[in-house]
Amino acid sequence: MDEMNSLVKRETTELVPIKLPEEHQRFYDKLRAKMERFIKEKGVNDQISQVLLLAPDLFVLLARLMVDKRVPLESKAIVGLAVTYFISPIDLIPELVAGPLGMVDDVVFAVYALRKILLDVDQTIVLEHWNGKQNLLDVISSVVKTADELVGKNMVTKLKELLFSKAKKK
C-alpha cells in the first residue's frame, strides 16, 4: 500500500512537459526571436533583457490558462484582461512608440495578474502550463520586487488599479 501511495503522490506532483501546438510555437518563436534581436542590436542591460525575454513565456502561459477548463471563470477574466493588455497596441508603454521595450509594462501587468490568479487556481495547474526555464514563482517574486525600478512607481500603481478595478467588476 505504501508503494501505491508513493506512486500516486509522485504522479500528482510531477510536472509533465507540454508541447506547444505548432501555431503557438511559431508565435512564441517569432516573439522570442524579435526580443533576442532587439536586445542584441540595442545592447539592452541585463535586468531589462531578462524581463523582455519573459514576455513570450508569460503570453503562452496566459493563453494556455485561458483554455484550461480547471481555471475558474473569475480567474479567466483576469487572464483575458492580461492577454488583452499584451496584444493591445495602446497601453501605458505602447510598443508602437517604444518598440520591444514597450513589453516591459506588459510583463509587469502579466505578473501581477498571475499573483492574483494564484490565489484562486491551484499552483500545480499554473505550473503545468509554464514553458519558461526559470522557476515561475521566482519570476513572479523577482518582477514584483523590481517593478517600481522597471516601469516607475506611478505606472505600477496604474497597472494595479487597472487590474484590480477590472477584476472587481467581473
N, C-alpha and C. Protein backbone atom coordinates (compact mmCIF):
# COMPACT_ATOMS: atom_id res chain seq x y z
N MET A 1 0.82 -1.19 0.00
CA MET A 1 0.00 0.00 0.00
C MET A 1 0.86 1.25 0.00
N ASP A 2 1.97 1.23 0.79
CA ASP A 2 2.85 2.39 0.82
C ASP A 2 3.43 2.68 -0.56
N GLU A 3 3.77 1.60 -1.27
CA GLU A 3 4.30 1.76 -2.63
C GLU A 3 3.27 2.44 -3.52
N MET A 4 2.02 2.06 -3.39
CA MET A 4 0.93 2.65 -4.18
C MET A 4 0.77 4.13 -3.83
N ASN A 5 0.79 4.47 -2.54
CA ASN A 5 0.67 5.86 -2.12
C ASN A 5 1.81 6.71 -2.65
N SER A 6 3.03 6.20 -2.59
CA SER A 6 4.16 6.98 -3.10
C SER A 6 4.07 7.15 -4.61
N LEU A 7 3.58 6.12 -5.29
CA LEU A 7 3.41 6.21 -6.74
C LEU A 7 2.37 7.27 -7.09
N VAL A 8 1.25 7.26 -6.39
CA VAL A 8 0.20 8.25 -6.64
C VAL A 8 0.71 9.63 -6.32
N LYS A 9 1.39 9.77 -5.19
CA LYS A 9 1.93 11.08 -4.81
C LYS A 9 2.90 11.59 -5.87
N ARG A 10 3.79 10.73 -6.31
CA ARG A 10 4.77 11.15 -7.31
C ARG A 10 4.07 11.57 -8.60
N GLU A 11 3.08 10.82 -9.00
CA GLU A 11 2.37 11.14 -10.24
C GLU A 11 1.63 12.45 -10.15
N THR A 12 1.10 12.81 -8.98
CA THR A 12 0.32 14.04 -8.89
C THR A 12 1.19 15.28 -8.75
N THR A 13 2.44 15.11 -8.28
CA THR A 13 3.29 16.28 -8.10
C THR A 13 4.29 16.45 -9.24
N GLU A 14 4.48 15.44 -10.03
CA GLU A 14 5.42 15.50 -11.14
C GLU A 14 4.80 16.28 -12.30
N LEU A 15 5.52 17.25 -12.81
CA LEU A 15 5.01 18.05 -13.91
C LEU A 15 5.34 17.37 -15.24
N VAL A 16 4.39 17.37 -16.11
CA VAL A 16 4.56 16.75 -17.42
C VAL A 16 4.78 17.87 -18.43
N PRO A 17 5.89 17.84 -19.17
CA PRO A 17 6.12 18.89 -20.16
C PRO A 17 5.01 18.89 -21.21
N ILE A 18 4.60 20.08 -21.58
CA ILE A 18 3.54 20.22 -22.59
C ILE A 18 4.17 20.75 -23.86
N LYS A 19 3.91 20.09 -24.95
CA LYS A 19 4.41 20.55 -26.24
C LYS A 19 3.40 21.55 -26.81
N LEU A 20 3.92 22.68 -27.26
CA LEU A 20 3.05 23.71 -27.83
C LEU A 20 2.50 23.26 -29.18
N PRO A 21 1.22 23.58 -29.44
CA PRO A 21 0.72 23.36 -30.81
C PRO A 21 1.56 24.18 -31.78
N GLU A 22 1.63 23.74 -33.00
CA GLU A 22 2.52 24.37 -33.98
C GLU A 22 2.30 25.88 -34.13
N GLU A 23 1.03 26.32 -34.18
CA GLU A 23 0.78 27.76 -34.37
C GLU A 23 1.23 28.57 -33.16
N HIS A 24 1.10 28.01 -31.94
CA HIS A 24 1.58 28.70 -30.75
C HIS A 24 3.11 28.72 -30.75
N GLN A 25 3.71 27.63 -31.17
CA GLN A 25 5.17 27.55 -31.21
C GLN A 25 5.73 28.59 -32.18
N ARG A 26 5.08 28.74 -33.34
CA ARG A 26 5.54 29.74 -34.31
C ARG A 26 5.45 31.15 -33.72
N PHE A 27 4.33 31.47 -33.06
CA PHE A 27 4.17 32.78 -32.44
C PHE A 27 5.24 32.98 -31.37
N TYR A 28 5.42 31.97 -30.53
CA TYR A 28 6.41 32.01 -29.46
C TYR A 28 7.81 32.25 -30.04
N ASP A 29 8.16 31.46 -31.05
CA ASP A 29 9.48 31.57 -31.66
C ASP A 29 9.70 32.95 -32.28
N LYS A 30 8.67 33.48 -32.96
CA LYS A 30 8.79 34.81 -33.58
C LYS A 30 8.98 35.89 -32.52
N LEU A 31 8.18 35.84 -31.47
CA LEU A 31 8.28 36.85 -30.41
C LEU A 31 9.61 36.75 -29.70
N ARG A 32 10.04 35.55 -29.39
CA ARG A 32 11.32 35.36 -28.70
C ARG A 32 12.48 35.83 -29.61
N ALA A 33 12.43 35.51 -30.88
CA ALA A 33 13.49 35.94 -31.81
C ALA A 33 13.51 37.46 -31.92
N LYS A 34 12.34 38.08 -31.96
CA LYS A 34 12.24 39.54 -32.02
C LYS A 34 12.90 40.16 -30.78
N MET A 35 12.61 39.60 -29.62
CA MET A 35 13.19 40.11 -28.38
C MET A 35 14.71 39.94 -28.36
N GLU A 36 15.16 38.76 -28.74
CA GLU A 36 16.60 38.49 -28.74
C GLU A 36 17.33 39.40 -29.71
N ARG A 37 16.75 39.61 -30.90
CA ARG A 37 17.35 40.50 -31.90
C ARG A 37 17.45 41.93 -31.36
N PHE A 38 16.36 42.41 -30.77
CA PHE A 38 16.33 43.77 -30.22
C PHE A 38 17.38 43.93 -29.13
N ILE A 39 17.47 42.97 -28.22
CA ILE A 39 18.43 43.03 -27.12
C ILE A 39 19.86 43.09 -27.66
N LYS A 40 20.13 42.25 -28.65
CA LYS A 40 21.48 42.20 -29.24
C LYS A 40 21.82 43.50 -29.97
N GLU A 41 20.87 43.98 -30.79
CA GLU A 41 21.12 45.19 -31.58
C GLU A 41 21.24 46.45 -30.72
N LYS A 42 20.43 46.55 -29.69
CA LYS A 42 20.39 47.77 -28.87
C LYS A 42 21.27 47.71 -27.64
N GLY A 43 21.83 46.55 -27.35
CA GLY A 43 22.68 46.44 -26.16
C GLY A 43 21.91 46.71 -24.87
N VAL A 44 20.73 46.14 -24.76
CA VAL A 44 19.87 46.35 -23.60
C VAL A 44 20.52 45.73 -22.35
N ASN A 45 20.41 46.44 -21.21
CA ASN A 45 21.04 45.93 -19.98
C ASN A 45 20.41 44.62 -19.53
N ASP A 46 21.14 43.90 -18.67
CA ASP A 46 20.74 42.56 -18.24
C ASP A 46 19.37 42.51 -17.57
N GLN A 47 19.10 43.45 -16.68
CA GLN A 47 17.82 43.43 -15.96
C GLN A 47 16.64 43.54 -16.93
N ILE A 48 16.71 44.49 -17.84
CA ILE A 48 15.63 44.68 -18.81
C ILE A 48 15.59 43.49 -19.77
N SER A 49 16.75 42.98 -20.17
CA SER A 49 16.80 41.82 -21.08
C SER A 49 16.06 40.64 -20.49
N GLN A 50 16.32 40.36 -19.21
CA GLN A 50 15.67 39.23 -18.55
C GLN A 50 14.15 39.40 -18.53
N VAL A 51 13.70 40.63 -18.31
CA VAL A 51 12.26 40.90 -18.28
C VAL A 51 11.66 40.75 -19.67
N LEU A 52 12.32 41.29 -20.68
CA LEU A 52 11.81 41.19 -22.05
C LEU A 52 11.71 39.74 -22.51
N LEU A 53 12.67 38.93 -22.12
CA LEU A 53 12.66 37.52 -22.53
C LEU A 53 11.57 36.71 -21.82
N LEU A 54 10.97 37.28 -20.78
CA LEU A 54 9.84 36.62 -20.12
C LEU A 54 8.54 36.78 -20.91
N ALA A 55 8.47 37.80 -21.74
CA ALA A 55 7.22 38.12 -22.45
C ALA A 55 6.64 36.92 -23.22
N PRO A 56 7.42 36.24 -24.05
CA PRO A 56 6.83 35.10 -24.79
C PRO A 56 6.34 33.99 -23.86
N ASP A 57 7.13 33.67 -22.82
CA ASP A 57 6.75 32.61 -21.89
C ASP A 57 5.47 32.97 -21.13
N LEU A 58 5.37 34.22 -20.69
CA LEU A 58 4.18 34.65 -19.96
C LEU A 58 2.95 34.68 -20.85
N PHE A 59 3.13 35.13 -22.09
CA PHE A 59 1.99 35.18 -23.00
C PHE A 59 1.45 33.77 -23.27
N VAL A 60 2.34 32.82 -23.52
CA VAL A 60 1.91 31.44 -23.78
C VAL A 60 1.24 30.87 -22.53
N LEU A 61 1.79 31.14 -21.36
CA LEU A 61 1.17 30.67 -20.11
C LEU A 61 -0.25 31.20 -19.98
N LEU A 62 -0.43 32.49 -20.22
CA LEU A 62 -1.77 33.09 -20.11
C LEU A 62 -2.73 32.48 -21.14
N ALA A 63 -2.25 32.29 -22.36
CA ALA A 63 -3.10 31.71 -23.41
C ALA A 63 -3.54 30.29 -23.02
N ARG A 64 -2.64 29.54 -22.44
CA ARG A 64 -2.98 28.17 -22.02
C ARG A 64 -3.98 28.18 -20.86
N LEU A 65 -3.79 29.10 -19.91
CA LEU A 65 -4.72 29.18 -18.78
C LEU A 65 -6.11 29.57 -19.25
N MET A 66 -6.17 30.36 -20.31
CA MET A 66 -7.45 30.83 -20.84
C MET A 66 -8.31 29.66 -21.30
N VAL A 67 -7.70 28.61 -21.80
CA VAL A 67 -8.47 27.48 -22.34
C VAL A 67 -8.53 26.28 -21.39
N ASP A 68 -7.89 26.37 -20.25
CA ASP A 68 -7.89 25.26 -19.29
C ASP A 68 -9.22 25.24 -18.55
N LYS A 69 -9.93 24.14 -18.63
CA LYS A 69 -11.26 24.01 -18.01
C LYS A 69 -11.20 24.01 -16.49
N ARG A 70 -10.03 23.78 -15.92
CA ARG A 70 -9.90 23.77 -14.46
C ARG A 70 -9.78 25.17 -13.88
N VAL A 71 -9.56 26.16 -14.73
CA VAL A 71 -9.41 27.55 -14.27
C VAL A 71 -10.80 28.16 -14.14
N PRO A 72 -11.14 28.66 -12.94
CA PRO A 72 -12.47 29.24 -12.74
C PRO A 72 -12.71 30.48 -13.62
N LEU A 73 -13.96 30.75 -13.88
CA LEU A 73 -14.35 31.86 -14.75
C LEU A 73 -13.78 33.20 -14.27
N GLU A 74 -13.82 33.45 -12.97
CA GLU A 74 -13.29 34.72 -12.44
C GLU A 74 -11.81 34.87 -12.76
N SER A 75 -11.07 33.78 -12.64
CA SER A 75 -9.64 33.82 -12.96
C SER A 75 -9.42 33.97 -14.46
N LYS A 76 -10.30 33.36 -15.25
CA LYS A 76 -10.19 33.51 -16.71
C LYS A 76 -10.43 34.96 -17.12
N ALA A 77 -11.27 35.67 -16.38
CA ALA A 77 -11.49 37.09 -16.67
C ALA A 77 -10.19 37.87 -16.48
N ILE A 78 -9.44 37.54 -15.44
CA ILE A 78 -8.15 38.20 -15.19
C ILE A 78 -7.15 37.80 -16.27
N VAL A 79 -7.14 36.52 -16.63
CA VAL A 79 -6.27 36.04 -17.70
C VAL A 79 -6.59 36.79 -18.99
N GLY A 80 -7.88 36.90 -19.30
CA GLY A 80 -8.32 37.60 -20.51
C GLY A 80 -7.87 39.05 -20.52
N LEU A 81 -7.95 39.69 -19.36
CA LEU A 81 -7.51 41.08 -19.25
C LEU A 81 -6.01 41.18 -19.52
N ALA A 82 -5.23 40.25 -18.97
CA ALA A 82 -3.78 40.26 -19.16
C ALA A 82 -3.41 39.98 -20.63
N VAL A 83 -4.11 39.03 -21.26
CA VAL A 83 -3.86 38.74 -22.68
C VAL A 83 -4.20 39.97 -23.53
N THR A 84 -5.32 40.58 -23.21
CA THR A 84 -5.73 41.79 -23.95
C THR A 84 -4.69 42.90 -23.79
N TYR A 85 -4.18 43.06 -22.58
CA TYR A 85 -3.16 44.08 -22.34
C TYR A 85 -1.91 43.77 -23.18
N PHE A 86 -1.55 42.51 -23.26
CA PHE A 86 -0.38 42.11 -24.06
C PHE A 86 -0.57 42.48 -25.53
N ILE A 87 -1.74 42.20 -26.09
CA ILE A 87 -1.91 42.37 -27.54
C ILE A 87 -2.41 43.76 -27.93
N SER A 88 -2.83 44.56 -26.95
CA SER A 88 -3.34 45.89 -27.26
C SER A 88 -2.20 46.82 -27.70
N PRO A 89 -2.39 47.53 -28.81
CA PRO A 89 -1.36 48.46 -29.24
C PRO A 89 -1.34 49.72 -28.36
N ILE A 90 -2.39 49.90 -27.59
CA ILE A 90 -2.47 51.08 -26.73
C ILE A 90 -2.45 50.63 -25.28
N ASP A 91 -1.32 50.87 -24.62
CA ASP A 91 -1.21 50.60 -23.19
C ASP A 91 -0.29 51.67 -22.59
N LEU A 92 0.17 51.48 -21.37
CA LEU A 92 0.92 52.52 -20.70
C LEU A 92 2.28 52.79 -21.35
N ILE A 93 2.92 51.75 -21.88
CA ILE A 93 4.15 51.93 -22.66
C ILE A 93 3.91 51.24 -24.00
N PRO A 94 3.35 51.97 -24.98
CA PRO A 94 2.97 51.33 -26.25
C PRO A 94 4.19 50.85 -27.04
N GLU A 95 4.08 49.62 -27.56
CA GLU A 95 5.15 49.07 -28.38
C GLU A 95 5.34 49.88 -29.66
N LEU A 96 4.27 50.51 -30.15
CA LEU A 96 4.37 51.32 -31.36
C LEU A 96 5.33 52.48 -31.18
N VAL A 97 5.43 52.99 -29.94
CA VAL A 97 6.30 54.12 -29.64
C VAL A 97 7.66 53.65 -29.12
N ALA A 98 7.64 52.70 -28.20
CA ALA A 98 8.86 52.29 -27.50
C ALA A 98 9.53 51.05 -28.10
N GLY A 99 8.91 50.45 -29.12
CA GLY A 99 9.46 49.21 -29.66
C GLY A 99 9.32 48.10 -28.64
N PRO A 100 10.18 47.10 -28.71
CA PRO A 100 10.08 45.98 -27.77
C PRO A 100 10.21 46.38 -26.30
N LEU A 101 10.82 47.53 -26.01
CA LEU A 101 10.87 47.98 -24.61
C LEU A 101 9.46 48.21 -24.06
N GLY A 102 8.52 48.42 -24.96
CA GLY A 102 7.13 48.59 -24.56
C GLY A 102 6.52 47.33 -23.98
N MET A 103 7.23 46.22 -24.04
CA MET A 103 6.73 44.96 -23.47
C MET A 103 6.99 44.87 -21.97
N VAL A 104 7.81 45.77 -21.44
CA VAL A 104 8.14 45.70 -20.01
C VAL A 104 6.88 45.86 -19.16
N ASP A 105 6.04 46.83 -19.49
CA ASP A 105 4.80 47.00 -18.70
C ASP A 105 3.87 45.82 -18.89
N ASP A 106 3.89 45.21 -20.06
CA ASP A 106 3.06 44.02 -20.31
C ASP A 106 3.49 42.88 -19.38
N VAL A 107 4.79 42.70 -19.23
CA VAL A 107 5.32 41.65 -18.35
C VAL A 107 4.93 41.95 -16.90
N VAL A 108 5.09 43.19 -16.48
CA VAL A 108 4.73 43.56 -15.10
C VAL A 108 3.24 43.31 -14.86
N PHE A 109 2.40 43.71 -15.82
CA PHE A 109 0.96 43.51 -15.70
C PHE A 109 0.64 42.01 -15.63
N ALA A 110 1.27 41.22 -16.49
CA ALA A 110 1.04 39.77 -16.51
C ALA A 110 1.42 39.14 -15.17
N VAL A 111 2.51 39.58 -14.60
CA VAL A 111 2.98 39.03 -13.33
C VAL A 111 2.01 39.37 -12.19
N TYR A 112 1.54 40.60 -12.15
CA TYR A 112 0.56 40.96 -11.13
C TYR A 112 -0.74 40.16 -11.34
N ALA A 113 -1.12 39.95 -12.59
CA ALA A 113 -2.31 39.15 -12.88
C ALA A 113 -2.10 37.72 -12.39
N LEU A 114 -0.93 37.15 -12.63
CA LEU A 114 -0.65 35.78 -12.18
C LEU A 114 -0.67 35.68 -10.65
N ARG A 115 -0.17 36.70 -9.98
CA ARG A 115 -0.24 36.69 -8.50
C ARG A 115 -1.69 36.56 -8.05
N LYS A 116 -2.55 37.32 -8.69
CA LYS A 116 -3.97 37.30 -8.34
C LYS A 116 -4.59 35.94 -8.72
N ILE A 117 -4.25 35.42 -9.88
CA ILE A 117 -4.78 34.13 -10.34
C ILE A 117 -4.37 33.01 -9.39
N LEU A 118 -3.15 33.07 -8.89
CA LEU A 118 -2.65 32.01 -8.00
C LEU A 118 -3.38 31.98 -6.65
N LEU A 119 -4.15 33.00 -6.35
CA LEU A 119 -4.97 32.98 -5.13
C LEU A 119 -6.15 32.02 -5.29
N ASP A 120 -6.60 31.82 -6.54
CA ASP A 120 -7.79 31.01 -6.79
C ASP A 120 -7.54 29.73 -7.58
N VAL A 121 -6.39 29.62 -8.20
CA VAL A 121 -6.09 28.46 -9.05
C VAL A 121 -4.93 27.69 -8.42
N ASP A 122 -5.08 26.39 -8.34
CA ASP A 122 -4.04 25.54 -7.78
C ASP A 122 -2.72 25.79 -8.53
N GLN A 123 -1.69 25.98 -7.76
CA GLN A 123 -0.36 26.27 -8.31
C GLN A 123 0.09 25.22 -9.32
N THR A 124 -0.22 23.95 -9.07
CA THR A 124 0.22 22.90 -9.99
C THR A 124 -0.42 23.05 -11.37
N ILE A 125 -1.64 23.56 -11.41
CA ILE A 125 -2.30 23.79 -12.70
C ILE A 125 -1.55 24.87 -13.48
N VAL A 126 -1.21 25.95 -12.79
CA VAL A 126 -0.49 27.05 -13.44
C VAL A 126 0.88 26.56 -13.90
N LEU A 127 1.57 25.83 -13.04
CA LEU A 127 2.91 25.35 -13.38
C LEU A 127 2.92 24.36 -14.54
N GLU A 128 1.84 23.61 -14.71
CA GLU A 128 1.74 22.69 -15.85
C GLU A 128 1.89 23.42 -17.18
N HIS A 129 1.43 24.65 -17.21
CA HIS A 129 1.41 25.42 -18.44
C HIS A 129 2.63 26.32 -18.62
N TRP A 130 3.53 26.35 -17.65
CA TRP A 130 4.69 27.23 -17.71
C TRP A 130 5.77 26.60 -18.57
N ASN A 131 6.22 27.32 -19.59
CA ASN A 131 7.22 26.83 -20.52
C ASN A 131 8.59 27.43 -20.25
N GLY A 132 8.64 28.41 -19.37
CA GLY A 132 9.89 29.12 -19.11
C GLY A 132 10.94 28.25 -18.45
N LYS A 133 12.17 28.71 -18.54
CA LYS A 133 13.30 27.96 -17.98
C LYS A 133 13.46 28.23 -16.49
N GLN A 134 13.05 29.43 -16.06
CA GLN A 134 13.18 29.79 -14.65
C GLN A 134 11.97 29.30 -13.87
N ASN A 135 12.12 29.22 -12.55
CA ASN A 135 11.01 28.87 -11.68
C ASN A 135 9.98 30.00 -11.74
N LEU A 136 8.74 29.68 -12.07
CA LEU A 136 7.71 30.71 -12.23
C LEU A 136 7.50 31.53 -10.97
N LEU A 137 7.48 30.90 -9.82
CA LEU A 137 7.26 31.65 -8.58
C LEU A 137 8.41 32.60 -8.31
N ASP A 138 9.63 32.20 -8.65
CA ASP A 138 10.79 33.10 -8.53
C ASP A 138 10.67 34.26 -9.50
N VAL A 139 10.19 33.98 -10.71
CA VAL A 139 9.99 35.03 -11.72
C VAL A 139 9.00 36.07 -11.21
N ILE A 140 7.87 35.58 -10.70
CA ILE A 140 6.84 36.49 -10.19
C ILE A 140 7.41 37.35 -9.07
N SER A 141 8.08 36.73 -8.13
CA SER A 141 8.66 37.43 -6.99
C SER A 141 9.68 38.48 -7.45
N SER A 142 10.54 38.09 -8.37
CA SER A 142 11.58 38.99 -8.86
C SER A 142 10.99 40.20 -9.59
N VAL A 143 10.02 39.97 -10.45
CA VAL A 143 9.43 41.08 -11.21
C VAL A 143 8.67 42.01 -10.27
N VAL A 144 7.93 41.45 -9.32
CA VAL A 144 7.20 42.29 -8.37
C VAL A 144 8.17 43.15 -7.56
N LYS A 145 9.29 42.55 -7.12
CA LYS A 145 10.28 43.30 -6.32
C LYS A 145 10.92 44.44 -7.10
N THR A 146 11.07 44.25 -8.41
CA THR A 146 11.77 45.27 -9.21
C THR A 146 10.81 46.11 -10.08
N ALA A 147 9.52 45.91 -9.93
CA ALA A 147 8.54 46.59 -10.80
C ALA A 147 8.68 48.11 -10.77
N ASP A 148 8.85 48.67 -9.58
CA ASP A 148 9.00 50.13 -9.48
C ASP A 148 10.21 50.61 -10.28
N GLU A 149 11.28 49.85 -10.19
CA GLU A 149 12.51 50.16 -10.92
C GLU A 149 12.31 50.03 -12.44
N LEU A 150 11.56 49.01 -12.83
CA LEU A 150 11.38 48.70 -14.25
C LEU A 150 10.50 49.73 -14.97
N VAL A 151 9.38 50.08 -14.36
CA VAL A 151 8.43 50.95 -15.06
C VAL A 151 8.08 52.22 -14.28
N GLY A 152 8.55 52.33 -13.06
CA GLY A 152 8.24 53.50 -12.24
C GLY A 152 7.06 53.23 -11.32
N LYS A 153 7.14 53.84 -10.15
CA LYS A 153 6.12 53.61 -9.11
C LYS A 153 4.73 54.04 -9.58
N ASN A 154 4.63 55.18 -10.25
CA ASN A 154 3.32 55.65 -10.72
C ASN A 154 2.69 54.66 -11.71
N MET A 155 3.51 54.12 -12.59
CA MET A 155 3.00 53.17 -13.57
C MET A 155 2.56 51.87 -12.90
N VAL A 156 3.31 51.41 -11.92
CA VAL A 156 2.93 50.20 -11.19
C VAL A 156 1.57 50.42 -10.52
N THR A 157 1.40 51.60 -9.94
CA THR A 157 0.12 51.93 -9.30
C THR A 157 -1.01 51.90 -10.33
N LYS A 158 -0.79 52.46 -11.51
CA LYS A 158 -1.81 52.46 -12.56
C LYS A 158 -2.12 51.04 -13.04
N LEU A 159 -1.08 50.22 -13.20
CA LEU A 159 -1.29 48.83 -13.63
C LEU A 159 -2.11 48.06 -12.59
N LYS A 160 -1.78 48.24 -11.31
CA LYS A 160 -2.53 47.56 -10.25
C LYS A 160 -3.99 48.04 -10.24
N GLU A 161 -4.18 49.34 -10.38
CA GLU A 161 -5.55 49.88 -10.40
C GLU A 161 -6.34 49.30 -11.56
N LEU A 162 -5.72 49.22 -12.72
CA LEU A 162 -6.38 48.66 -13.89
C LEU A 162 -6.76 47.20 -13.65
N LEU A 163 -5.83 46.45 -13.14
CA LEU A 163 -6.06 45.04 -12.87
C LEU A 163 -7.11 44.82 -11.80
N PHE A 164 -6.95 45.48 -10.67
CA PHE A 164 -7.85 45.20 -9.55
C PHE A 164 -9.22 45.84 -9.71
N SER A 165 -9.32 46.98 -10.39
CA SER A 165 -10.64 47.57 -10.60
C SER A 165 -11.43 46.75 -11.63
N LYS A 166 -10.77 46.27 -12.68
CA LYS A 166 -11.43 45.44 -13.69
C LYS A 166 -11.82 44.09 -13.11
N ALA A 167 -10.95 43.53 -12.29
CA ALA A 167 -11.23 42.22 -11.71
C ALA A 167 -12.44 42.29 -10.78
N LYS A 168 -12.60 43.39 -10.07
CA LYS A 168 -13.74 43.53 -9.14
C LYS A 168 -15.05 43.63 -9.91
N LYS A 169 -15.01 44.23 -11.11
CA LYS A 169 -16.22 44.40 -11.91
C LYS A 169 -16.71 43.10 -12.50
N LYS A 170 -15.81 42.14 -12.72
CA LYS A 170 -16.16 40.87 -13.36
C LYS A 170 -17.00 40.01 -12.46
